[in-house]
Protein backbone atom coordinates (compact mmCIF):
# COMPACT_ATOMS: atom_id res chain seq x y z
CA UNK A 1 154.17 8.59 20.70
CA UNK A 2 150.60 10.34 21.09
CA UNK A 3 152.12 12.60 23.96
CA UNK A 4 154.80 13.86 21.76
CA UNK A 5 154.77 17.04 19.37
CA UNK A 6 157.26 18.11 17.05
CA UNK A 7 158.49 22.11 17.05
CA UNK A 8 160.09 22.89 13.90
CA UNK A 9 161.58 26.64 13.52
CA UNK A 10 161.48 27.51 9.78
CA UNK A 11 162.91 30.51 7.92
CA UNK A 12 163.17 30.58 4.29
CA UNK A 13 162.53 26.70 3.96
CA UNK A 14 160.64 27.02 0.45
CA UNK A 15 162.47 23.87 -0.76
CA UNK A 16 162.53 21.68 2.29
CA UNK A 17 159.77 22.33 4.86
CA UNK A 18 157.29 20.35 2.58
CA UNK A 19 159.20 17.17 2.90
CA UNK A 20 159.65 17.53 6.70
CA UNK A 21 155.96 17.87 6.91
CA UNK A 22 155.16 14.77 4.70
CA UNK A 23 157.18 12.63 6.67
CA UNK A 24 155.97 13.55 10.01
CA UNK A 25 152.58 13.29 8.84
CA UNK A 26 153.29 9.44 7.75
CA UNK A 27 154.50 8.97 11.00
CA UNK A 28 151.27 10.37 12.62
CA UNK A 29 153.25 12.82 14.61
CA UNK A 30 151.43 16.34 15.58
CA UNK A 31 153.65 19.37 15.04
CA UNK A 32 154.07 23.03 15.59
CA UNK A 33 155.59 24.82 12.73
CA UNK A 34 157.15 28.33 13.98
CA UNK A 35 157.45 30.48 10.53
CA UNK A 36 160.30 33.07 11.94
CA UNK A 37 159.23 35.56 8.91
CA UNK A 38 160.00 33.88 5.90
CA UNK A 39 160.39 36.10 2.86
CA UNK A 40 160.00 33.32 0.07
CA UNK A 41 157.14 31.11 -0.29
CA UNK A 42 157.65 29.20 2.91
CA UNK A 43 154.50 30.49 4.41
CA UNK A 44 152.48 30.15 1.33
CA UNK A 45 153.75 26.02 0.88
CA UNK A 46 152.68 25.45 4.73
CA UNK A 47 149.41 26.80 4.43
CA UNK A 48 148.67 25.17 0.87
CA UNK A 49 150.03 21.64 2.67
CA UNK A 50 147.52 22.20 5.74
CA UNK A 51 144.68 23.31 3.22
CA UNK A 52 145.30 19.81 1.20
CA UNK A 53 145.41 17.61 4.16
CA UNK A 54 142.50 18.89 5.73
CA UNK A 55 140.61 18.58 2.60
CA UNK A 56 141.97 14.96 2.14
CA UNK A 57 140.59 14.23 5.89
CA UNK A 58 137.28 15.29 5.15
CA UNK A 59 136.93 13.52 2.37
CA UNK A 60 138.24 10.24 3.73
CA UNK A 61 136.12 10.74 6.71
CA UNK A 62 132.88 11.25 4.45
CA UNK A 63 133.56 7.88 2.78
CA UNK A 64 134.08 5.78 6.60
CA UNK A 65 133.42 7.41 9.62
CA UNK A 66 135.92 5.33 11.28
CA UNK A 67 138.97 6.32 9.16
CA UNK A 68 141.31 9.11 10.17
CA UNK A 69 139.96 10.01 13.80
CA UNK A 70 143.77 10.73 14.77
CA UNK A 71 145.20 12.26 11.85
CA UNK A 72 148.21 14.64 13.25
CA UNK A 73 147.64 18.03 13.79
CA UNK A 74 149.64 21.06 12.70
CA UNK A 75 149.67 24.23 14.51
CA UNK A 76 151.19 26.92 12.95
CA UNK A 77 152.70 30.45 14.13
CA UNK A 78 153.43 32.88 11.45
CA UNK A 79 155.69 35.93 12.62
CA UNK A 80 156.05 38.84 10.83
CA UNK A 81 159.43 39.44 11.30
CA UNK A 82 162.68 37.43 11.80
CA UNK A 83 163.80 36.80 15.35
CA UNK A 84 165.81 34.12 15.52
CA UNK A 85 165.83 30.48 15.83
CA UNK A 86 166.27 30.80 20.10
CA UNK A 87 162.73 33.11 20.04
CA UNK A 88 161.12 30.94 17.66
CA UNK A 89 161.74 27.54 19.75
CA UNK A 90 160.64 29.43 22.53
CA UNK A 91 157.37 30.36 21.12
CA UNK A 92 157.00 26.77 19.98
CA UNK A 93 157.79 25.35 23.21
CA UNK A 94 155.23 27.77 24.99
CA UNK A 95 152.77 26.83 22.92
CA UNK A 96 153.13 23.33 22.96
CA UNK A 97 153.35 23.20 26.69
CA UNK A 98 149.96 25.31 26.94
CA UNK A 99 148.57 22.45 24.44
CA UNK A 100 149.29 19.79 27.10
CA UNK A 101 151.90 17.68 25.25
CA UNK A 102 154.45 15.66 27.65
CA UNK A 103 157.15 15.43 24.93
CA UNK A 104 158.64 18.09 22.92
CA UNK A 105 160.91 17.28 19.82
CA UNK A 106 162.95 19.73 18.40
CA UNK A 107 163.57 19.45 14.68
CA UNK A 108 164.97 21.81 12.03
CA UNK A 109 163.01 22.87 8.90
CA UNK A 110 165.91 22.37 6.44
CA UNK A 111 165.66 18.67 6.20
CA UNK A 112 168.80 18.11 7.22
CA UNK A 113 167.47 16.27 10.30
CA UNK A 114 165.38 13.28 8.93
CA UNK A 115 162.14 12.71 10.87
CA UNK A 116 162.08 9.08 10.59
CA UNK A 117 164.59 9.10 13.47
CA UNK A 118 162.19 10.66 15.67
CA UNK A 119 160.57 6.98 16.71
CA UNK A 120 164.14 5.67 17.42
CA UNK A 121 164.93 8.70 19.51
CA UNK A 122 162.09 8.23 21.23
CA UNK A 123 162.51 4.79 22.31
CA UNK A 124 166.06 5.10 23.55
CA UNK A 125 164.15 8.08 26.02
CA UNK A 126 161.69 5.74 27.34
CA UNK A 127 164.57 2.54 27.63
CA UNK A 128 166.40 4.36 29.94
CA UNK A 129 163.73 6.15 31.87
CA UNK A 130 165.24 9.78 30.67
CA UNK A 131 163.92 13.31 30.87
CA UNK A 132 165.83 14.26 27.55
CA UNK A 133 167.49 12.48 24.51
CA UNK A 134 169.89 14.41 22.37
CA UNK A 135 170.63 13.39 18.75
CA UNK A 136 174.20 12.84 17.55
CA UNK A 137 175.50 13.22 14.48
CA UNK A 138 178.18 10.68 12.77
CA UNK A 139 180.99 12.58 12.04
CA UNK A 140 181.89 10.95 8.98
CA UNK A 141 178.79 12.83 7.62
CA UNK A 142 179.81 16.13 8.96
CA UNK A 143 181.97 18.83 6.83
CA UNK A 144 185.44 18.85 8.40
CA UNK A 145 185.14 22.41 9.67
CA UNK A 146 182.03 21.54 11.62
CA UNK A 147 183.90 18.41 12.89
CA UNK A 148 186.40 20.70 14.55
CA UNK A 149 183.95 23.33 16.07
CA UNK A 150 182.20 20.63 17.46
CA UNK A 151 184.58 18.73 19.12
CA UNK A 152 185.76 21.61 20.87
CA UNK A 153 182.05 22.71 21.75
CA UNK A 154 181.46 19.52 23.17
CA UNK A 155 184.55 19.20 25.26
CA UNK A 156 183.72 22.78 26.34
CA UNK A 157 180.18 22.10 27.55
CA UNK A 158 180.88 19.09 28.90
CA UNK A 159 183.41 20.47 31.61
CA UNK A 160 181.24 23.79 32.09
CA UNK A 161 178.04 21.24 32.53
CA UNK A 162 179.64 19.07 34.38
CA UNK A 163 181.06 22.05 37.28
CA UNK A 164 178.05 24.16 36.61
CA UNK A 165 175.41 21.25 37.73
CA UNK A 166 177.89 19.33 39.97
CA UNK A 167 177.13 16.11 38.10
CA UNK A 168 179.38 14.40 35.40
CA UNK A 169 178.03 15.02 32.00
CA UNK A 170 179.55 14.35 28.65
CA UNK A 171 178.39 15.42 25.40
CA UNK A 172 179.30 14.16 21.79
CA UNK A 173 177.34 16.56 19.84
CA UNK A 174 176.32 19.59 22.23
CA UNK A 175 175.24 21.37 19.01
CA UNK A 176 172.80 19.23 17.65
CA UNK A 177 169.37 20.64 17.47
CA UNK A 178 167.83 17.51 17.15
CA UNK A 179 166.08 16.85 20.69
CA UNK A 180 163.39 15.23 22.21
CA UNK A 181 162.65 16.68 26.07
CA UNK A 182 159.98 16.37 28.61
CA UNK A 183 157.88 19.51 28.59
CA UNK A 184 158.25 19.56 32.33
CA UNK A 185 162.06 20.39 32.23
CA UNK A 186 161.00 23.36 30.09
CA UNK A 187 158.33 25.33 31.61
CA UNK A 188 160.80 28.23 32.44
CA UNK A 189 163.34 27.88 30.35
CA UNK A 190 165.75 30.30 29.06
CA UNK A 191 166.42 30.25 25.35
CA UNK A 192 168.85 32.82 24.82
CA UNK A 193 169.01 35.46 22.04
CA UNK A 194 171.18 33.43 19.53
CA UNK A 195 172.83 30.15 18.47
CA UNK A 196 173.33 29.48 21.99
CA UNK A 197 169.90 27.80 22.51
CA UNK A 198 171.02 24.16 22.35
CA UNK A 199 174.16 24.77 24.91
CA UNK A 200 171.79 26.66 27.52
CA UNK A 201 169.12 24.43 27.55
CA UNK A 202 171.23 21.62 28.08
CA UNK A 203 173.07 23.56 31.17
CA UNK A 204 169.75 24.11 32.46
CA UNK A 205 168.54 20.45 32.09
CA UNK A 206 171.60 19.46 33.92
CA UNK A 207 171.12 21.71 36.64
CA UNK A 208 167.48 20.34 37.54
CA UNK A 209 169.17 16.91 37.40
CA UNK A 210 167.34 15.56 34.28
CA UNK A 211 168.63 12.41 32.84
CA UNK A 212 170.17 12.86 29.73
CA UNK A 213 170.87 10.30 26.84
CA UNK A 214 172.27 10.50 23.54
CA UNK A 215 171.26 8.68 20.47
CA UNK A 216 172.90 8.52 16.71
CA UNK A 217 170.85 10.19 14.13
CA UNK A 218 170.53 10.82 10.39
CA UNK A 219 172.11 13.67 8.88
CA UNK A 220 172.20 15.28 5.14
CA UNK A 221 174.04 18.40 4.41
CA UNK A 222 172.28 18.58 0.83
CA UNK A 223 172.33 21.39 -1.44
CA UNK A 224 168.85 23.43 -0.40
CA UNK A 225 170.12 23.33 3.08
CA UNK A 226 172.03 26.56 4.13
CA UNK A 227 173.95 27.10 7.36
CA UNK A 228 174.19 29.98 9.37
CA UNK A 229 176.99 28.97 11.77
CA UNK A 230 180.29 30.82 11.50
CA UNK A 231 183.54 30.88 13.53
CA UNK A 232 182.27 34.31 15.08
CA UNK A 233 178.66 32.99 16.31
CA UNK A 234 180.66 29.96 17.63
CA UNK A 235 182.75 32.21 19.82
CA UNK A 236 179.56 34.26 20.44
CA UNK A 237 177.99 31.11 22.08
CA UNK A 238 180.54 30.43 24.13
CA UNK A 239 180.50 33.77 25.65
CA UNK A 240 176.86 33.76 25.70
CA UNK A 241 177.24 30.44 27.99
CA UNK A 242 179.68 32.10 30.28
CA UNK A 243 177.48 35.00 31.02
CA UNK A 244 174.71 32.57 31.70
CA UNK A 245 176.51 31.19 34.06
CA UNK A 246 177.87 34.18 35.71
CA UNK A 247 174.58 36.23 35.79
CA UNK A 248 171.64 33.62 35.83
CA UNK A 249 173.39 30.94 38.46
CA UNK A 250 170.54 29.46 40.71
CA UNK A 251 167.83 31.40 38.75
């Protein structure tokens, strides 16, 4: 997975971001952390972790110059103000493409998604020679209200995307933000302004005839993970999807 980088949108995740970064380091995966104007200690924790990691690497290199030649890189984008997940993903994606990465993995900074699933997802993508792999959360691990919203959103998007792209697509978990996508399909992607980013990216991938597969992933709704999704925001997502199709069709 040397051509893969993990983009992590982060906002006020002082209790979670360290676990995400530590596990990515153990997997030897490069990452891009987009700190979306955090007002807690998230920024300080990220900087301290990077400094500590770099210091450990320097000490190890002094002991043996043949070790740690492939230490994972951690790139950072620290924003002065909060602009939302879509903008954070947009900036992280542009940076990843500029750095020349072939595959871009998206994972949330709240540790609901588990980095250990990245190799499994990547293997699925390679096995089926796919252009993207979307994570599927098992319903038994999802709060009931999310099961309902996710079911209707996935059905809605399956119908809309299939008609728009003129190709059948059936999504089991369209709202999952845990994905791996080939960078070539994201160079001119439109990420939207709100929580519709996953839906809009799916539409564009389908329109470009990308081969999309899905893979089951781990999910943990722990007390330190705060959800910002509401019924109103889900309705806003549907509206933005319709607006995109009506006004950006063919664009």
